[in-house]
Amino acid sequence: MAATVAVIAPTASSQAEVSAQACTFTDWVQGAWYTTGSIVRFEGNYYVAEHDNPGYSPTVSTWYWEPTSCDGGGGGGGGGTCTSASDWVAGRQYYTGNIVRYNGSYYIAEHDNPGYDPTVSTWFWEPHNCGGGGGGGGGNIVSEAQFNQMFPGRNSFYTYQGFIDATKTIPAFGTVGSDTVKKQEFAAFLANASHETGGLVYIEEINKNNDLCDESQPYGCPAGTYAYYGRGPIQLSWNFNYKAAGDYLGLNLLQNPYQVAQNSTTAWRTAIWYWMTQTGPGSMTAHNAMVNSAGFGQTIRSINGSLECDGRNPAQVQSRVSKYQQFTGILGVTPGGNLYC
């Protein structure tokens, strides 16, 4: 298995050197809900939320809040605007609170760094919600308590925070339609992930002895013809899927598919990528199936319909449907119609 990318954390946080930038902030209010990236003014100083929190004091914990600096803006709402964001540049010095645009998504610097890739480490960068309505944010739909209820025996690799961070990097996921539709989409996604991984137990496919390399592709299989077995919540497989997912997410998954099993957020992002962009053997993406009222059955068809749908494996279909019904119950929403494929 290939080695993970080594990132050396600084020995001390250089908070005094934060770079002043225009930002939209509100005065901190105890008990108000703050999402990751929100900027508040508290006792004359500015703080940016590193993680969603129910109004904890900005001076209590650096897990939830990090000092930042503003030289303008103010009086705005929610998650902070990105008018000051610039395209990320490798090797450029960034300071805590800087916001960059990278492969169509926004990231905010949690710590000073010399231009590290925003997707390498959540120590230095955190996915950022622009404008108070852009980034996904599954925490508003699925709480950590509900997540734990859905996956009581999950592998520790599949963290709730990794899931939430991943949702924020693909803004359309779980943010389209009514609250009912949003909850149904999250339940459908997590139900299929549960089925694929045995309740978020398996990170990698058990049988790794399959040649999942389409050698007709011009880029081939640089990691080896047996390297592209299933990984992550929807068990990403085949070299062409690793290539397409990597291109979309800004990661070289074709060269190093192993990283999907080494970083929780990366694993969740590959699953969301498939959900949002791939029709598989179906006629629509799983995302479109849920937001356009085609029903849960069409998500099964998009993921594994050629092996399960149209009577090929009704037991597997029932397993997915039962899990979806359980999860919609946890989220307090009806499952809707067209559950089978």
C-alpha atoms as a PDB file:
ATOM      1  CA  MET A   1       0.000   0.000   0.000  1.00  0.00           C
ATOM      2  CA  ALA A   2       1.379   3.373  -0.973  1.00  0.00           C
ATOM      3  CA  ALA A   3       2.494   5.713   1.780  1.00  0.00           C
ATOM      4  CA  THR A   4       0.301   8.609   2.824  1.00  0.00           C
ATOM      5  CA  VAL A   5       1.300  12.164   2.045  1.00  0.00           C
ATOM      6  CA  ALA A   6       3.444  13.407   4.887  1.00  0.00           C
ATOM      7  CA  VAL A   7       2.454  16.776   6.306  1.00  0.00           C
ATOM      8  CA  ILE A   8       4.475  18.257   9.136  1.00  0.00           C
ATOM      9  CA  ALA A   9       2.392  20.280  11.550  1.00  0.00           C
ATOM     10  CA  PRO A  10       4.040  23.405  12.964  1.00  0.00           C
ATOM     11  CA  THR A  11       5.279  23.154  16.510  1.00  0.00           C
ATOM     12  CA  ALA A  12       3.392  26.292  17.505  1.00  0.00           C
ATOM     13  CA  SER A  13       0.534  28.212  15.975  1.00  0.00           C
ATOM     14  CA  SER A  14       1.674  31.551  14.590  1.00  0.00           C
ATOM     15  CA  GLN A  15      -1.545  33.360  15.482  1.00  0.00           C
ATOM     16  CA  ALA A  16       0.100  36.752  15.750  1.00  0.00           C
ATOM     17  CA  GLU A  17       0.932  36.717  12.056  1.00  0.00           C
ATOM     18  CA  VAL A  18      -2.579  36.344  10.667  1.00  0.00           C
ATOM     19  CA  SER A  19      -3.069  38.391   7.533  1.00  0.00           C
ATOM     20  CA  ALA A  20      -5.794  41.046   7.684  1.00  0.00           C
ATOM     21  CA  GLN A  21      -8.454  40.673   5.004  1.00  0.00           C
ATOM     22  CA  ALA A  22     -11.939  41.967   4.331  1.00  0.00           C
ATOM     23  CA  CYS A  23     -14.544  39.595   5.710  1.00  0.00           C
ATOM     24  CA  THR A  24     -18.204  39.433   6.557  1.00  0.00           C
ATOM     25  CA  PHE A  25     -18.832  38.903  10.251  1.00  0.00           C
ATOM     26  CA  THR A  26     -21.503  39.123  12.921  1.00  0.00           C
ATOM     27  CA  ASP A  27     -21.191  39.840  16.608  1.00  0.00           C
ATOM     28  CA  TRP A  28     -21.032  36.536  18.477  1.00  0.00           C
ATOM     29  CA  VAL A  29     -24.296  35.481  20.145  1.00  0.00           C
ATOM     30  CA  GLN A  30     -24.341  32.760  22.780  1.00  0.00           C
ATOM     31  CA  GLY A  31     -26.490  29.817  21.671  1.00  0.00           C
ATOM     32  CA  ALA A  32     -26.663  30.855  17.994  1.00  0.00           C
ATOM     33  CA  TRP A  33     -25.790  28.103  15.493  1.00  0.00           C
ATOM     34  CA  TYR A  34     -22.522  28.687  13.624  1.00  0.00           C
ATOM     35  CA  THR A  35     -21.333  26.710  10.624  1.00  0.00           C
ATOM     36  CA  THR A  36     -17.730  26.077   9.608  1.00  0.00           C
ATOM     37  CA  GLY A  37     -16.264  29.266   8.128  1.00  0.00           C
ATOM     38  CA  SER A  38     -18.538  31.667  10.007  1.00  0.00           C
ATOM     39  CA  ILE A  39     -16.656  34.743  11.229  1.00  0.00           C
ATOM     40  CA  VAL A  40     -17.669  36.530  14.436  1.00  0.00           C
ATOM     41  CA  ARG A  41     -16.520  39.516  16.448  1.00  0.00           C
ATOM     42  CA  PHE A  42     -16.077  38.794  20.156  1.00  0.00           C
ATOM     43  CA  GLU A  43     -14.710  41.307  22.683  1.00  0.00           C
ATOM     44  CA  GLY A  44     -13.135  43.298  19.861  1.00  0.00           C
ATOM     45  CA  ASN A  45     -11.379  40.330  18.243  1.00  0.00           C
ATOM     46  CA  TYR A  46     -12.348  38.180  15.255  1.00  0.00           C
ATOM     47  CA  TYR A  47     -12.718  34.407  15.145  1.00  0.00           C
ATOM     48  CA  VAL A  48     -13.491  31.936  12.365  1.00  0.00           C
ATOM     49  CA  ALA A  49     -15.406  28.721  13.082  1.00  0.00           C
ATOM     50  CA  GLU A  50     -13.286  25.638  12.406  1.00  0.00           C
ATOM     51  CA  HIS A  51     -16.244  23.307  12.996  1.00  0.00           C
ATOM     52  CA  ASP A  52     -20.012  23.689  13.284  1.00  0.00           C
ATOM     53  CA  ASN A  53     -21.038  24.537  16.843  1.00  0.00           C
ATOM     54  CA  PRO A  54     -24.085  25.699  18.861  1.00  0.00           C
ATOM     55  CA  GLY A  55     -22.668  29.049  19.927  1.00  0.00           C
ATOM     56  CA  TYR A  56     -19.688  28.032  22.026  1.00  0.00           C
ATOM     57  CA  SER A  57     -17.550  30.908  23.290  1.00  0.00           C
ATOM     58  CA  PRO A  58     -14.770  31.664  20.747  1.00  0.00           C
ATOM     59  CA  THR A  59     -12.168  31.640  23.526  1.00  0.00           C
ATOM     60  CA  VAL A  60     -13.097  28.235  24.945  1.00  0.00           C
ATOM     61  CA  SER A  61     -11.602  25.867  22.374  1.00  0.00           C
ATOM     62  CA  THR A  62      -9.424  26.068  19.269  1.00  0.00           C
ATOM     63  CA  TRP A  63     -11.284  22.987  18.005  1.00  0.00           C
ATOM     64  CA  TYR A  64     -14.329  25.157  17.309  1.00  0.00           C
ATOM     65  CA  TRP A  65     -12.846  28.634  16.827  1.00  0.00           C
ATOM     66  CA  GLU A  66      -9.592  30.046  15.516  1.00  0.00           C
ATOM     67  CA  PRO A  67      -8.486  33.691  15.759  1.00  0.00           C
ATOM     68  CA  THR A  68      -8.631  35.493  12.420  1.00  0.00           C
ATOM     69  CA  SER A  69      -8.279  39.074  11.233  1.00  0.00           C
ATOM     70  CA  CYS A  70     -10.606  41.450   9.387  1.00  0.00           C
ATOM     71  CA  ASP A  71      -9.869  44.866   7.929  1.00  0.00           C
ATOM     72  CA  GLY A  72     -13.327  45.550   6.555  1.00  0.00           C
ATOM     73  CA  GLY A  73     -16.691  44.063   5.796  1.00  0.00           C
ATOM     74  CA  GLY A  74     -18.973  43.415   8.708  1.00  0.00           C
ATOM     75  CA  GLY A  75     -22.606  43.145   9.558  1.00  0.00           C
ATOM     76  CA  GLY A  76     -23.255  40.209   7.317  1.00  0.00           C
ATOM     77  CA  GLY A  77     -24.699  36.810   8.054  1.00  0.00           C
ATOM     78  CA  GLY A  78     -23.912  33.150   8.020  1.00  0.00           C
ATOM     79  CA  GLY A  79     -20.902  31.515   6.570  1.00  0.00           C
ATOM     80  CA  GLY A  80     -18.756  34.401   5.395  1.00  0.00           C
ATOM     81  CA  THR A  81     -18.464  35.643   1.826  1.00  0.00           C
ATOM     82  CA  CYS A  82     -15.676  34.742  -0.560  1.00  0.00           C
ATOM     83  CA  THR A  83     -15.217  38.095  -2.237  1.00  0.00           C
ATOM     84  CA  SER A  84     -11.626  38.102  -0.983  1.00  0.00           C
ATOM     85  CA  ALA A  85     -10.927  34.566  -2.228  1.00  0.00           C
ATOM     86  CA  SER A  86      -8.209  34.009  -4.800  1.00  0.00           C
ATOM     87  CA  ASP A  87      -7.262  30.920  -6.774  1.00  0.00           C
ATOM     88  CA  TRP A  88      -4.901  28.722  -4.760  1.00  0.00           C
ATOM     89  CA  VAL A  89      -1.260  28.864  -5.865  1.00  0.00           C
ATOM     90  CA  ALA A  90       1.232  26.169  -4.892  1.00  0.00           C
ATOM     91  CA  GLY A  91       4.116  27.530  -2.823  1.00  0.00           C
ATOM     92  CA  ARG A  92       2.437  30.838  -1.927  1.00  0.00           C
ATOM     93  CA  GLN A  93       2.400  31.751   1.768  1.00  0.00           C
ATOM     94  CA  TYR A  94      -1.092  31.623   3.288  1.00  0.00           C
ATOM     95  CA  TYR A  95      -2.187  32.779   6.718  1.00  0.00           C
ATOM     96  CA  THR A  96      -4.931  31.671   9.080  1.00  0.00           C
ATOM     97  CA  GLY A  97      -8.274  32.899   7.748  1.00  0.00           C
ATOM     98  CA  ASN A  98      -7.213  33.234   4.112  1.00  0.00           C
ATOM     99  CA  ILE A  99      -9.833  31.843   1.718  1.00  0.00           C
ATOM    100  CA  VAL A 100      -8.876  30.217  -1.585  1.00  0.00           C
ATOM    101  CA  ARG A 101     -10.708  28.693  -4.516  1.00  0.00           C
ATOM    102  CA  TYR A 102      -9.448  25.251  -5.578  1.00  0.00           C
ATOM    103  CA  ASN A 103     -11.039  23.049  -8.257  1.00  0.00           C
ATOM    104  CA  GLY A 104     -14.308  24.929  -7.923  1.00  0.00           C
ATOM    105  CA  SER A 105     -14.531  24.631  -4.129  1.00  0.00           C
ATOM    106  CA  TYR A 106     -13.524  27.050  -1.376  1.00  0.00           C
ATOM    107  CA  TYR A 107     -11.162  26.410   1.522  1.00  0.00           C
ATOM    108  CA  ILE A 108     -10.183  28.494   4.526  1.00  0.00           C
ATOM    109  CA  ALA A 109      -6.734  28.272   6.103  1.00  0.00           C
ATOM    110  CA  GLU A 110      -6.898  26.915   9.642  1.00  0.00           C
ATOM    111  CA  HIS A 111      -3.167  27.480  10.159  1.00  0.00           C
ATOM    112  CA  ASP A 112      -0.406  29.385   8.384  1.00  0.00           C
ATOM    113  CA  ASN A 113       1.182  27.308   5.623  1.00  0.00           C
ATOM    114  CA  PRO A 114       3.542  27.703   2.651  1.00  0.00           C
ATOM    115  CA  GLY A 115       0.997  26.838  -0.023  1.00  0.00           C
ATOM    116  CA  TYR A 116       0.075  23.267   0.847  1.00  0.00           C
ATOM    117  CA  ASP A 117      -2.589  21.636  -1.337  1.00  0.00           C
ATOM    118  CA  PRO A 118      -5.986  22.384   0.308  1.00  0.00           C
ATOM    119  CA  THR A 119      -7.024  18.728   0.004  1.00  0.00           C
ATOM    120  CA  VAL A 120      -3.922  17.273   1.674  1.00  0.00           C
ATOM    121  CA  SER A 121      -4.640  17.967   5.324  1.00  0.00           C
ATOM    122  CA  THR A 122      -7.468  19.333   7.447  1.00  0.00           C
ATOM    123  CA  TRP A 123      -4.808  20.680   9.810  1.00  0.00           C
ATOM    124  CA  PHE A 124      -3.997  23.462   7.370  1.00  0.00           C
ATOM    125  CA  TRP A 125      -7.212  23.823   5.326  1.00  0.00           C
ATOM    126  CA  GLU A 126     -10.910  23.366   5.969  1.00  0.00           C
ATOM    127  CA  PRO A 127     -13.690  23.276   3.329  1.00  0.00           C
ATOM    128  CA  HIS A 128     -15.447  26.649   3.470  1.00  0.00           C
ATOM    129  CA  ASN A 129     -19.105  27.595   3.023  1.00  0.00           C
ATOM    130  CA  CYS A 130     -19.352  30.752   0.926  1.00  0.00           C
ATOM    131  CA  GLY A 131     -22.124  33.259   1.193  1.00  0.00           C
ATOM    132  CA  GLY A 132     -24.055  31.456   3.894  1.00  0.00           C
ATOM    133  CA  GLY A 133     -25.768  29.101   1.429  1.00  0.00           C
ATOM    134  CA  GLY A 134     -23.224  27.519  -0.854  1.00  0.00           C
ATOM    135  CA  GLY A 135     -21.468  24.565   0.683  1.00  0.00           C
ATOM    136  CA  GLY A 136     -23.309  21.360   1.432  1.00  0.00           C
ATOM    137  CA  GLY A 137     -23.211  20.784   5.135  1.00  0.00           C
ATOM    138  CA  GLY A 138     -24.767  17.482   6.114  1.00  0.00           C
ATOM    139  CA  GLY A 139     -24.621  18.490   9.773  1.00  0.00           C
ATOM    140  CA  ASN A 140     -27.735  20.577   9.233  1.00  0.00           C
ATOM    141  CA  ILE A 141     -29.607  17.460   8.047  1.00  0.00           C
ATOM    142  CA  VAL A 142     -27.920  14.555   9.832  1.00  0.00           C
ATOM    143  CA  SER A 143     -26.709  15.164  13.363  1.00  0.00           C
ATOM    144  CA  GLU A 144     -23.805  13.244  14.851  1.00  0.00           C
ATOM    145  CA  ALA A 145     -26.223  11.469  17.176  1.00  0.00           C
ATOM    146  CA  GLN A 146     -28.331  10.342  14.214  1.00  0.00           C
ATOM    147  CA  PHE A 147     -25.208   9.259  12.327  1.00  0.00           C
ATOM    148  CA  ASN A 148     -24.141   7.169  15.312  1.00  0.00           C
ATOM    149  CA  GLN A 149     -27.612   5.659  15.493  1.00  0.00           C
ATOM    150  CA  MET A 150     -27.421   4.693  11.823  1.00  0.00           C
ATOM    151  CA  PHE A 151     -23.954   3.141  12.167  1.00  0.00           C
ATOM    152  CA  PRO A 152     -23.527   1.864  15.735  1.00  0.00           C
ATOM    153  CA  GLY A 153     -20.803  -0.624  14.802  1.00  0.00           C
ATOM    154  CA  ARG A 154     -18.970   1.331  12.129  1.00  0.00           C
ATOM    155  CA  ASN A 155     -15.238   1.262  11.529  1.00  0.00           C
ATOM    156  CA  SER A 156     -13.573   4.250  13.218  1.00  0.00           C
ATOM    157  CA  PHE A 157     -12.216   5.240   9.799  1.00  0.00           C
ATOM    158  CA  TYR A 158     -15.652   6.448   8.738  1.00  0.00           C
ATOM    159  CA  THR A 159     -15.858   9.536  10.930  1.00  0.00           C
ATOM    160  CA  TYR A 160     -18.851  11.836  11.124  1.00  0.00           C
ATOM    161  CA  GLN A 161     -16.555  14.837  10.691  1.00  0.00           C
ATOM    162  CA  GLY A 162     -15.035  13.297   7.563  1.00  0.00           C
ATOM    163  CA  PHE A 163     -18.517  12.900   6.143  1.00  0.00           C
ATOM    164  CA  ILE A 164     -19.533  16.474   6.997  1.00  0.00           C
ATOM    165  CA  ASP A 165     -16.294  17.909   5.585  1.00  0.00           C
ATOM    166  CA  ALA A 166     -16.847  15.977   2.364  1.00  0.00           C
ATOM    167  CA  THR A 167     -20.404  17.266   1.925  1.00  0.00           C
ATOM    168  CA  LYS A 168     -19.132  20.828   2.071  1.00  0.00           C
ATOM    169  CA  THR A 169     -16.810  20.322  -0.890  1.00  0.00           C
ATOM    170  CA  ILE A 170     -19.612  19.341  -3.313  1.00  0.00           C
ATOM    171  CA  PRO A 171     -22.229  22.049  -2.739  1.00  0.00           C
ATOM    172  CA  ALA A 172     -25.212  20.545  -4.616  1.00  0.00           C
ATOM    173  CA  PHE A 173     -25.228  17.389  -2.516  1.00  0.00           C
ATOM    174  CA  GLY A 174     -28.163  17.382  -0.098  1.00  0.00           C
ATOM    175  CA  THR A 175     -29.006  21.051  -0.674  1.00  0.00           C
ATOM    176  CA  VAL A 176     -31.621  20.816  -3.435  1.00  0.00           C
ATOM    177  CA  GLY A 177     -35.371  20.884  -2.820  1.00  0.00           C
ATOM    178  CA  SER A 178     -37.486  20.934   0.306  1.00  0.00           C
ATOM    179  CA  ASP A 179     -36.310  19.770   3.722  1.00  0.00           C
ATOM    180  CA  THR A 180     -38.120  16.500   3.019  1.00  0.00           C
ATOM    181  CA  VAL A 181     -36.208  15.977  -0.228  1.00  0.00           C
ATOM    182  CA  LYS A 182     -32.898  16.849   1.423  1.00  0.00           C
ATOM    183  CA  LYS A 183     -33.459  14.359   4.229  1.00  0.00           C
ATOM    184  CA  GLN A 184     -34.554  11.695   1.750  1.00  0.00           C
ATOM    185  CA  GLU A 185     -31.382  12.218  -0.279  1.00  0.00           C
ATOM    186  CA  PHE A 186     -29.127  11.906   2.758  1.00  0.00           C
ATOM    187  CA  ALA A 187     -31.009   8.804   3.897  1.00  0.00           C
ATOM    188  CA  ALA A 188     -30.747   7.280   0.411  1.00  0.00           C
ATOM    189  CA  PHE A 189     -27.026   7.990   0.115  1.00  0.00           C
ATOM    190  CA  LEU A 190     -26.217   6.640   3.561  1.00  0.00           C
ATOM    191  CA  ALA A 191     -28.446   3.587   3.088  1.00  0.00           C
ATOM    192  CA  ASN A 192     -26.588   2.615  -0.082  1.00  0.00           C
ATOM    193  CA  ALA A 193     -23.249   3.281   1.645  1.00  0.00           C
ATOM    194  CA  SER A 194     -24.337   1.077   4.534  1.00  0.00           C
ATOM    195  CA  HIS A 195     -25.254  -1.751   2.168  1.00  0.00           C
ATOM    196  CA  GLU A 196     -21.990  -1.490   0.226  1.00  0.00           C
ATOM    197  CA  THR A 197     -19.801  -1.565   3.347  1.00  0.00           C
ATOM    198  CA  GLY A 198     -21.714  -3.766   5.781  1.00  0.00           C
ATOM    199  CA  GLY A 199     -22.738  -0.828   7.937  1.00  0.00           C
ATOM    200  CA  LEU A 200     -19.580   1.221   7.305  1.00  0.00           C
ATOM    201  CA  VAL A 201     -17.434  -1.648   8.505  1.00  0.00           C
ATOM    202  CA  TYR A 202     -15.395  -2.381   5.374  1.00  0.00           C
ATOM    203  CA  ILE A 203     -13.054   0.234   3.965  1.00  0.00           C
ATOM    204  CA  GLU A 204     -11.779  -1.962   1.135  1.00  0.00           C
ATOM    205  CA  GLU A 205     -13.263  -4.756  -0.918  1.00  0.00           C
ATOM    206  CA  ILE A 206     -12.648  -8.137   0.714  1.00  0.00           C
ATOM    207  CA  ASN A 207     -11.636  -9.868  -2.513  1.00  0.00           C
ATOM    208  CA  LYS A 208      -8.758  -7.931  -4.034  1.00  0.00           C
ATOM    209  CA  ASN A 209      -7.875 -10.592  -6.601  1.00  0.00           C
ATOM    210  CA  ASN A 210      -9.818  -9.130  -9.510  1.00  0.00           C
ATOM    211  CA  ASP A 211      -8.345  -7.370 -12.523  1.00  0.00           C
ATOM    212  CA  LEU A 212     -10.389  -4.149 -12.519  1.00  0.00           C
ATOM    213  CA  CYS A 213      -8.238  -2.439 -15.132  1.00  0.00           C
ATOM    214  CA  ASP A 214      -9.702  -1.400 -18.464  1.00  0.00           C
ATOM    215  CA  GLU A 215      -6.465  -1.423 -20.441  1.00  0.00           C
ATOM    216  CA  SER A 216      -8.150   0.096 -23.482  1.00  0.00           C
ATOM    217  CA  GLN A 217      -8.058   3.440 -21.671  1.00  0.00           C
ATOM    218  CA  PRO A 218      -5.170   5.625 -22.899  1.00  0.00           C
ATOM    219  CA  TYR A 219      -3.959   6.308 -19.361  1.00  0.00           C
ATOM    220  CA  GLY A 220      -3.788   2.615 -18.488  1.00  0.00           C
ATOM    221  CA  CYS A 221      -3.360   1.409 -14.923  1.00  0.00           C
ATOM    222  CA  PRO A 222      -0.197   2.961 -13.495  1.00  0.00           C
ATOM    223  CA  ALA A 223      -0.850   1.560 -10.012  1.00  0.00           C
ATOM    224  CA  GLY A 224      -1.117  -1.990 -11.358  1.00  0.00           C
ATOM    225  CA  THR A 225      -3.974  -3.943 -12.903  1.00  0.00           C
ATOM    226  CA  TYR A 226      -5.119  -5.301  -9.535  1.00  0.00           C
ATOM    227  CA  ALA A 227      -4.965  -1.976  -7.674  1.00  0.00           C
ATOM    228  CA  TYR A 228      -8.410  -0.601  -8.520  1.00  0.00           C
ATOM    229  CA  TYR A 229     -10.588  -2.730  -6.254  1.00  0.00           C
ATOM    230  CA  GLY A 230     -13.477  -1.236  -4.288  1.00  0.00           C
ATOM    231  CA  ARG A 231     -12.761   1.361  -1.612  1.00  0.00           C
ATOM    232  CA  GLY A 232     -14.802   3.780   0.433  1.00  0.00           C
ATOM    233  CA  PRO A 233     -18.523   4.151   1.195  1.00  0.00           C
ATOM    234  CA  ILE A 234     -19.682   3.188  -2.316  1.00  0.00           C
ATOM    235  CA  GLN A 235     -16.679   0.955  -3.038  1.00  0.00           C
ATOM    236  CA  LEU A 236     -15.146   2.930  -5.909  1.00  0.00           C
ATOM    237  CA  SER A 237     -13.821   0.418  -8.458  1.00  0.00           C
ATOM    238  CA  TRP A 238     -12.103   0.298 -11.890  1.00  0.00           C
ATOM    239  CA  ASN A 239      -9.323   2.508 -13.198  1.00  0.00           C
ATOM    240  CA  PHE A 240     -11.663   4.736 -15.217  1.00  0.00           C
ATOM    241  CA  ASN A 241     -13.695   5.587 -12.107  1.00  0.00           C
ATOM    242  CA  TYR A 242     -10.558   6.385 -10.109  1.00  0.00           C
ATOM    243  CA  LYS A 243      -9.361   8.583 -12.986  1.00  0.00           C
ATOM    244  CA  ALA A 244     -12.660  10.454 -13.326  1.00  0.00           C
ATOM    245  CA  ALA A 245     -13.139  10.878  -9.577  1.00  0.00           C
ATOM    246  CA  GLY A 246      -9.575  12.105  -9.153  1.00  0.00           C
ATOM    247  CA  ASP A 247      -9.934  14.636 -11.957  1.00  0.00           C
ATOM    248  CA  TYR A 248     -13.140  15.965 -10.403  1.00  0.00           C
ATOM    249  CA  LEU A 249     -11.781  16.129  -6.859  1.00  0.00           C
ATOM    250  CA  GLY A 250      -8.294  17.386  -7.702  1.00  0.00           C
ATOM    251  CA  LEU A 251      -6.574  14.200  -6.505  1.00  0.00           C
ATOM    252  CA  ASN A 252      -4.328  11.806  -8.427  1.00  0.00           C
ATOM    253  CA  LEU A 253      -6.354   8.702  -7.631  1.00  0.00           C
ATOM    254  CA  LEU A 254      -5.278   6.934 -10.806  1.00  0.00           C
ATOM    255  CA  GLN A 255      -1.634   6.959  -9.682  1.00  0.00           C
ATOM    256  CA  ASN A 256      -2.443   6.396  -6.013  1.00  0.00           C
ATOM    257  CA  PRO A 257      -5.845   4.751  -5.488  1.00  0.00           C
ATOM    258  CA  TYR A 258      -4.774   3.691  -1.993  1.00  0.00           C
ATOM    259  CA  GLN A 259      -5.382   7.180  -0.583  1.00  0.00           C
ATOM    260  CA  VAL A 260      -9.150   6.542  -0.745  1.00  0.00           C
ATOM    261  CA  ALA A 261      -8.633   4.089   2.123  1.00  0.00           C
ATOM    262  CA  GLN A 262      -6.267   6.382   4.009  1.00  0.00           C
ATOM    263  CA  ASN A 263      -8.324   9.550   4.514  1.00  0.00           C
ATOM    264  CA  SER A 264     -11.922   9.569   5.699  1.00  0.00           C
ATOM    265  CA  THR A 265     -12.897  12.788   3.928  1.00  0.00           C
ATOM    266  CA  THR A 266     -11.360  11.582   0.661  1.00  0.00           C
ATOM    267  CA  ALA A 267     -13.288   8.327   0.914  1.00  0.00           C
ATOM    268  CA  TRP A 268     -16.578  10.155   1.483  1.00  0.00           C
ATOM    269  CA  ARG A 269     -15.821  12.576  -1.352  1.00  0.00           C
ATOM    270  CA  THR A 270     -15.360   9.754  -3.867  1.00  0.00           C
ATOM    271  CA  ALA A 271     -18.735   8.317  -2.869  1.00  0.00           C
ATOM    272  CA  ILE A 272     -20.444  11.699  -3.189  1.00  0.00           C
ATOM    273  CA  TRP A 273     -18.729  12.203  -6.562  1.00  0.00           C
ATOM    274  CA  TYR A 274     -20.249   8.985  -7.859  1.00  0.00           C
ATOM    275  CA  TRP A 275     -23.644   9.844  -6.392  1.00  0.00           C
ATOM    276  CA  MET A 276     -23.688  13.284  -8.008  1.00  0.00           C
ATOM    277  CA  THR A 277     -22.144  12.614 -11.414  1.00  0.00           C
ATOM    278  CA  GLN A 278     -22.434   8.964 -12.497  1.00  0.00           C
ATOM    279  CA  THR A 279     -25.435   7.139 -13.915  1.00  0.00           C
ATOM    280  CA  GLY A 280     -23.766   3.710 -13.807  1.00  0.00           C
ATOM    281  CA  PRO A 281     -26.073   1.155 -15.411  1.00  0.00           C
ATOM    282  CA  GLY A 282     -29.049   3.469 -14.809  1.00  0.00           C
ATOM    283  CA  SER A 283     -30.470   6.369 -16.805  1.00  0.00           C
ATOM    284  CA  MET A 284     -29.857   9.104 -14.241  1.00  0.00           C
ATOM    285  CA  THR A 285     -27.555   9.940 -11.353  1.00  0.00           C
ATOM    286  CA  ALA A 286     -28.626   8.872  -7.886  1.00  0.00           C
ATOM    287  CA  HIS A 287     -28.779  12.557  -6.926  1.00  0.00           C
ATOM    288  CA  ASN A 288     -31.201  13.343  -9.749  1.00  0.00           C
ATOM    289  CA  ALA A 289     -33.292  10.313  -8.848  1.00  0.00           C
ATOM    290  CA  MET A 290     -33.873  11.680  -5.354  1.00  0.00           C
ATOM    291  CA  VAL A 291     -34.364  15.378  -6.141  1.00  0.00           C
ATOM    292  CA  ASN A 292     -36.610  14.738  -9.156  1.00  0.00           C
ATOM    293  CA  SER A 293     -38.941  12.262  -7.407  1.00  0.00           C
ATOM    294  CA  ALA A 294     -37.850   9.212  -9.418  1.00  0.00           C
ATOM    295  CA  GLY A 295     -37.500   7.368  -6.136  1.00  0.00           C
ATOM    296  CA  PHE A 296     -34.993   5.345  -4.146  1.00  0.00           C
ATOM    297  CA  GLY A 297     -35.233   2.416  -6.560  1.00  0.00           C
ATOM    298  CA  GLN A 298     -33.460   4.433  -9.234  1.00  0.00           C
ATOM    299  CA  THR A 299     -30.487   5.027  -6.919  1.00  0.00           C
ATOM    300  CA  ILE A 300     -30.092   1.243  -6.702  1.00  0.00           C
ATOM    301  CA  ARG A 301     -30.192   1.028 -10.484  1.00  0.00           C
ATOM    302  CA  SER A 302     -27.497   3.714 -10.798  1.00  0.00           C
ATOM    303  CA  ILE A 303     -25.197   1.974  -8.321  1.00  0.00           C
ATOM    304  CA  ASN A 304     -25.625  -1.728  -9.036  1.00  0.00           C
ATOM    305  CA  GLY A 305     -28.683  -2.141 -11.211  1.00  0.00           C
ATOM    306  CA  SER A 306     -27.103  -4.478 -13.727  1.00  0.00           C
ATOM    307  CA  LEU A 307     -26.639  -7.090 -10.972  1.00  0.00           C
ATOM    308  CA  GLU A 308     -29.622  -6.415  -8.722  1.00  0.00           C
ATOM    309  CA  CYS A 309     -32.559  -4.793 -10.543  1.00  0.00           C
ATOM    310  CA  ASP A 310     -35.314  -6.312 -12.690  1.00  0.00           C
ATOM    311  CA  GLY A 311     -35.490  -9.397 -10.499  1.00  0.00           C
ATOM    312  CA  ARG A 312     -31.802 -10.309 -10.744  1.00  0.00           C
ATOM    313  CA  ASN A 313     -31.190 -10.192  -6.980  1.00  0.00           C
ATOM    314  CA  PRO A 314     -34.308  -9.171  -5.015  1.00  0.00           C
ATOM    315  CA  ALA A 315     -32.711  -9.952  -1.649  1.00  0.00           C
ATOM    316  CA  GLN A 316     -29.997  -7.354  -2.232  1.00  0.00           C
ATOM    317  CA  VAL A 317     -32.567  -4.807  -3.369  1.00  0.00           C
ATOM    318  CA  GLN A 318     -34.651  -5.477  -0.261  1.00  0.00           C
ATOM    319  CA  SER A 319     -31.584  -5.013   1.919  1.00  0.00           C
ATOM    320  CA  ARG A 320     -31.041  -1.527   0.492  1.00  0.00           C
ATOM    321  CA  VAL A 321     -34.722  -0.599   0.734  1.00  0.00           C
ATOM    322  CA  SER A 322     -34.984  -1.756   4.344  1.00  0.00           C
ATOM    323  CA  LYS A 323     -31.950   0.304   5.310  1.00  0.00           C
ATOM    324  CA  TYR A 324     -33.384   3.353   3.527  1.00  0.00           C
ATOM    325  CA  GLN A 325     -36.674   2.967   5.389  1.00  0.00           C
ATOM    326  CA  GLN A 326     -34.769   2.702   8.667  1.00  0.00           C
ATOM    327  CA  PHE A 327     -32.725   5.833   7.962  1.00  0.00           C
ATOM    328  CA  THR A 328     -35.698   7.933   6.840  1.00  0.00           C
ATOM    329  CA  GLY A 329     -37.311   6.920  10.123  1.00  0.00           C
ATOM    330  CA  ILE A 330     -34.289   8.177  12.063  1.00  0.00           C
ATOM    331  CA  LEU A 331     -34.419  11.483  10.157  1.00  0.00           C
ATOM    332  CA  GLY A 332     -38.170  11.766  10.690  1.00  0.00           C
ATOM    333  CA  VAL A 333     -39.239  11.834   7.045  1.00  0.00           C
ATOM    334  CA  THR A 334     -41.369   9.608   4.819  1.00  0.00           C
ATOM    335  CA  PRO A 335     -39.436   7.438   2.321  1.00  0.00           C
ATOM    336  CA  GLY A 336     -41.615   8.393  -0.646  1.00  0.00           C
ATOM    337  CA  GLY A 337     -42.589   6.059  -3.482  1.00  0.00           C
ATOM    338  CA  ASN A 338     -40.842   3.963  -6.116  1.00  0.00           C
ATOM    339  CA  LEU A 339     -38.608   2.204  -3.622  1.00  0.00           C
ATOM    340  CA  TYR A 340     -37.771  -0.797  -5.805  1.00  0.00           C
ATOM    341  CA  CYS A 341     -36.043  -1.202  -9.140  1.00  0.00           C
END
